[in-house]
PDB file of N, CA and C in Angstrom:
ATOM      1  N   UNK A   1     163.534 257.160 -11.801  1.00  0.00           N
ATOM      2  CA  UNK A   1     164.106 256.033 -12.515  1.00  0.00           C
ATOM      3  C   UNK A   1     163.578 256.052 -13.935  1.00  0.00           C
ATOM      4  N   UNK A   2     164.428 255.744 -14.837  1.00  0.00           N
ATOM      5  CA  UNK A   2     164.060 255.740 -16.243  1.00  0.00           C
ATOM      6  C   UNK A   2     164.173 254.339 -16.806  1.00  0.00           C
ATOM      7  N   UNK A   3     163.211 253.943 -17.606  1.00  0.00           N
ATOM      8  CA  UNK A   3     163.201 252.614 -18.218  1.00  0.00           C
ATOM      9  C   UNK A   3     163.224 252.792 -19.714  1.00  0.00           C
ATOM     10  N   UNK A   4     164.205 252.202 -20.366  1.00  0.00           N
ATOM     11  CA  UNK A   4     164.297 252.288 -21.819  1.00  0.00           C
ATOM     12  C   UNK A   4     164.225 250.898 -22.417  1.00  0.00           C
ATOM     13  N   UNK A   5     163.579 250.822 -23.538  1.00  0.00           N
ATOM     14  CA  UNK A   5     163.505 249.571 -24.272  1.00  0.00           C
ATOM     15  C   UNK A   5     163.982 249.822 -25.686  1.00  0.00           C
ATOM     16  N   UNK A   6     164.370 248.749 -26.329  1.00  0.00           N
ATOM     17  CA  UNK A   6     164.835 248.862 -27.702  1.00  0.00           C
ATOM     18  C   UNK A   6     164.013 247.928 -28.576  1.00  0.00           C
ATOM     19  N   UNK A   7     164.401 247.797 -29.816  1.00  0.00           N
ATOM     20  CA  UNK A   7     163.648 246.957 -30.744  1.00  0.00           C
ATOM     21  C   UNK A   7     164.077 245.491 -30.638  1.00  0.00           C
ATOM     22  N   UNK A   8     163.250 244.613 -31.180  1.00  0.00           N
ATOM     23  CA  UNK A   8     163.488 243.165 -31.093  1.00  0.00           C
ATOM     24  C   UNK A   8     164.819 242.764 -31.737  1.00  0.00           C
ATOM     25  N   UNK A   9     165.184 243.401 -32.837  1.00  0.00           N
ATOM     26  CA  UNK A   9     166.430 243.059 -33.526  1.00  0.00           C
ATOM     27  C   UNK A   9     167.647 243.326 -32.633  1.00  0.00           C
ATOM     28  N   UNK A  10     167.631 244.439 -31.914  1.00  0.00           N
ATOM     29  CA  UNK A  10     168.746 244.761 -31.021  1.00  0.00           C
ATOM     30  C   UNK A  10     168.837 243.747 -29.888  1.00  0.00           C
ATOM     31  N   UNK A  11     167.690 243.383 -29.297  1.00  0.00           N
ATOM     32  CA  UNK A  11     167.703 242.366 -28.239  1.00  0.00           C
ATOM     33  C   UNK A  11     168.260 241.040 -28.759  1.00  0.00           C
ATOM     34  N   UNK A  12     167.857 240.657 -29.969  1.00  0.00           N
ATOM     35  CA  UNK A  12     168.359 239.407 -30.553  1.00  0.00           C
ATOM     36  C   UNK A  12     169.865 239.471 -30.747  1.00  0.00           C
ATOM     37  N   UNK A  13     170.382 240.627 -31.161  1.00  0.00           N
ATOM     38  CA  UNK A  13     171.821 240.806 -31.331  1.00  0.00           C
ATOM     39  C   UNK A  13     172.536 240.666 -29.995  1.00  0.00           C
ATOM     40  N   UNK A  14     172.010 241.282 -28.942  1.00  0.00           N
ATOM     41  CA  UNK A  14     172.610 241.174 -27.613  1.00  0.00           C
ATOM     42  C   UNK A  14     172.626 239.722 -27.141  1.00  0.00           C
ATOM     43  N   UNK A  15     171.528 239.016 -27.364  1.00  0.00           N
ATOM     44  CA  UNK A  15     171.429 237.614 -26.945  1.00  0.00           C
ATOM     45  C   UNK A  15     172.459 236.766 -27.687  1.00  0.00           C
ATOM     46  N   UNK A  16     172.567 236.960 -29.007  1.00  0.00           N
ATOM     47  CA  UNK A  16     173.532 236.202 -29.814  1.00  0.00           C
ATOM     48  C   UNK A  16     174.969 236.542 -29.409  1.00  0.00           C
ATOM     49  N   UNK A  17     175.240 237.812 -29.134  1.00  0.00           N
ATOM     50  CA  UNK A  17     176.571 238.234 -28.705  1.00  0.00           C
ATOM     51  C   UNK A  17     176.957 237.569 -27.384  1.00  0.00           C
ATOM     52  N   UNK A  18     175.971 237.307 -26.549  1.00  0.00           N
ATOM     53  CA  UNK A  18     176.215 236.639 -25.261  1.00  0.00           C
ATOM     54  C   UNK A  18     176.409 235.132 -25.430  1.00  0.00           C
ATOM     55  N   UNK A  19     176.310 234.643 -26.684  1.00  0.00           N
ATOM     56  CA  UNK A  19     176.523 233.228 -26.947  1.00  0.00           C
ATOM     57  C   UNK A  19     175.279 232.373 -26.789  1.00  0.00           C
ATOM     58  N   UNK A  20     174.117 233.015 -26.709  1.00  0.00           N
ATOM     59  CA  UNK A  20     172.859 232.285 -26.572  1.00  0.00           C
ATOM     60  C   UNK A  20     172.148 232.215 -27.921  1.00  0.00           C
ATOM     61  N   UNK A  21     171.195 231.311 -28.035  1.00  0.00           N
ATOM     62  CA  UNK A  21     170.459 231.120 -29.278  1.00  0.00           C
ATOM     63  C   UNK A  21     168.997 231.481 -29.079  1.00  0.00           C
ATOM     64  N   UNK A  22     168.444 232.226 -30.026  1.00  0.00           N
ATOM     65  CA  UNK A  22     167.022 232.548 -30.023  1.00  0.00           C
ATOM     66  C   UNK A  22     166.309 231.512 -30.880  1.00  0.00           C
ATOM     67  N   UNK A  23     165.308 230.857 -30.305  1.00  0.00           N
ATOM     68  CA  UNK A  23     164.537 229.870 -31.056  1.00  0.00           C
ATOM     69  C   UNK A  23     163.445 230.531 -31.867  1.00  0.00           C
ATOM     70  N   UNK A  24     162.525 231.196 -31.190  1.00  0.00           N
ATOM     71  CA  UNK A  24     161.422 231.889 -31.852  1.00  0.00           C
ATOM     72  C   UNK A  24     161.104 233.179 -31.113  1.00  0.00           C
ATOM     73  N   UNK A  25     160.476 234.078 -31.823  1.00  0.00           N
ATOM     74  CA  UNK A  25     159.954 235.318 -31.242  1.00  0.00           C
ATOM     75  C   UNK A  25     158.464 235.365 -31.522  1.00  0.00           C
ATOM     76  N   UNK A  26     157.701 235.727 -30.520  1.00  0.00           N
ATOM     77  CA  UNK A  26     156.257 235.840 -30.672  1.00  0.00           C
ATOM     78  C   UNK A  26     155.859 237.253 -30.267  1.00  0.00           C
ATOM     79  N   UNK A  27     155.102 237.936 -31.132  1.00  0.00           N
ATOM     80  CA  UNK A  27     154.609 239.265 -30.783  1.00  0.00           C
ATOM     81  C   UNK A  27     153.378 239.115 -29.908  1.00  0.00           C
ATOM     82  N   UNK A  28     153.381 239.778 -28.763  1.00  0.00           N
ATOM     83  CA  UNK A  28     152.253 239.736 -27.826  1.00  0.00           C
ATOM     84  C   UNK A  28     151.601 241.113 -27.844  1.00  0.00           C
ATOM     85  N   UNK A  29     150.406 241.234 -28.453  1.00  0.00           N
ATOM     86  CA  UNK A  29     149.756 242.540 -28.506  1.00  0.00           C
ATOM     87  C   UNK A  29     149.325 243.010 -27.116  1.00  0.00           C
ATOM     88  N   UNK A  30     149.441 244.305 -26.906  1.00  0.00           N
ATOM     89  CA  UNK A  30     149.084 244.898 -25.625  1.00  0.00           C
ATOM     90  C   UNK A  30     148.583 246.313 -25.876  1.00  0.00           C
ATOM     91  N   UNK A  31     147.311 246.512 -25.764  1.00  0.00           N
ATOM     92  CA  UNK A  31     146.741 247.840 -26.031  1.00  0.00           C
ATOM     93  C   UNK A  31     147.000 248.254 -27.472  1.00  0.00           C
ATOM     94  N   UNK A  32     147.607 249.433 -27.654  1.00  0.00           N
ATOM     95  CA  UNK A  32     147.907 249.914 -29.006  1.00  0.00           C
ATOM     96  C   UNK A  32     149.285 249.486 -29.479  1.00  0.00           C
ATOM     97  N   UNK A  33     150.015 248.748 -28.660  1.00  0.00           N
ATOM     98  CA  UNK A  33     151.361 248.284 -29.017  1.00  0.00           C
ATOM     99  C   UNK A  33     151.521 246.825 -28.673  1.00  0.00           C
ATOM    100  N   UNK A  34     152.620 246.507 -28.069  1.00  0.00           N
ATOM    101  CA  UNK A  34     152.878 245.135 -27.667  1.00  0.00           C
ATOM    102  C   UNK A  34     154.350 244.923 -27.386  1.00  0.00           C
ATOM    103  N   UNK A  35     154.703 243.677 -27.208  1.00  0.00           N
ATOM    104  CA  UNK A  35     156.099 243.332 -26.965  1.00  0.00           C
ATOM    105  C   UNK A  35     156.386 241.961 -27.555  1.00  0.00           C
ATOM    106  N   UNK A  36     157.667 241.626 -27.647  1.00  0.00           N
ATOM    107  CA  UNK A  36     158.073 240.329 -28.165  1.00  0.00           C
ATOM    108  C   UNK A  36     158.424 239.395 -27.028  1.00  0.00           C
ATOM    109  N   UNK A  37     157.986 238.176 -27.128  1.00  0.00           N
ATOM    110  CA  UNK A  37     158.330 237.127 -26.185  1.00  0.00           C
ATOM    111  C   UNK A  37     159.328 236.241 -26.910  1.00  0.00           C
ATOM    112  N   UNK A  38     160.537 236.151 -26.401  1.00  0.00           N
ATOM    113  CA  UNK A  38     161.603 235.393 -27.059  1.00  0.00           C
ATOM    114  C   UNK A  38     161.786 234.056 -26.368  1.00  0.00           C
ATOM    115  N   UNK A  39     161.822 232.993 -27.172  1.00  0.00           N
ATOM    116  CA  UNK A  39     161.949 231.634 -26.657  1.00  0.00           C
ATOM    117  C   UNK A  39     163.300 231.065 -27.066  1.00  0.00           C
ATOM    118  N   UNK A  40     163.875 230.296 -26.194  1.00  0.00           N
ATOM    119  CA  UNK A  40     165.114 229.599 -26.546  1.00  0.00           C
ATOM    120  C   UNK A  40     164.753 228.217 -27.058  1.00  0.00           C
ATOM    121  N   UNK A  41     165.596 227.600 -27.874  1.00  0.00           N
ATOM    122  CA  UNK A  41     165.342 226.242 -28.316  1.00  0.00           C
ATOM    123  C   UNK A  41     165.397 225.277 -27.131  1.00  0.00           C
ATOM    124  N   UNK A  42     164.628 224.226 -27.198  1.00  0.00           N
ATOM    125  CA  UNK A  42     164.639 223.211 -26.157  1.00  0.00           C
ATOM    126  C   UNK A  42     165.884 222.341 -26.342  1.00  0.00           C
ATOM    127  N   UNK A  43     166.632 222.140 -25.286  1.00  0.00           N
ATOM    128  CA  UNK A  43     167.851 221.349 -25.360  1.00  0.00           C
ATOM    129  C   UNK A  43     167.533 219.896 -25.674  1.00  0.00           C
ATOM    130  N   UNK A  44     168.337 219.286 -26.526  1.00  0.00           N
ATOM    131  CA  UNK A  44     168.201 217.871 -26.841  1.00  0.00           C
ATOM    132  C   UNK A  44     167.152 217.529 -27.861  1.00  0.00           C
ATOM    133  N   UNK A  45     166.605 218.540 -28.543  1.00  0.00           N
ATOM    134  CA  UNK A  45     165.618 218.234 -29.586  1.00  0.00           C
ATOM    135  C   UNK A  45     166.043 218.796 -30.901  1.00  0.00           C
TER     136      UNK A  45
END
């Protein structure tokens, strides 16, 4: 099995294309790299 990941900008584009909204992105360091944690806006605020 192969697992591929892409960059944060591409993920944000996919999310927006699906009609969803990205509230914030937070970089989570992990070893020599890391990943982005994407948050949606809270409804009604």
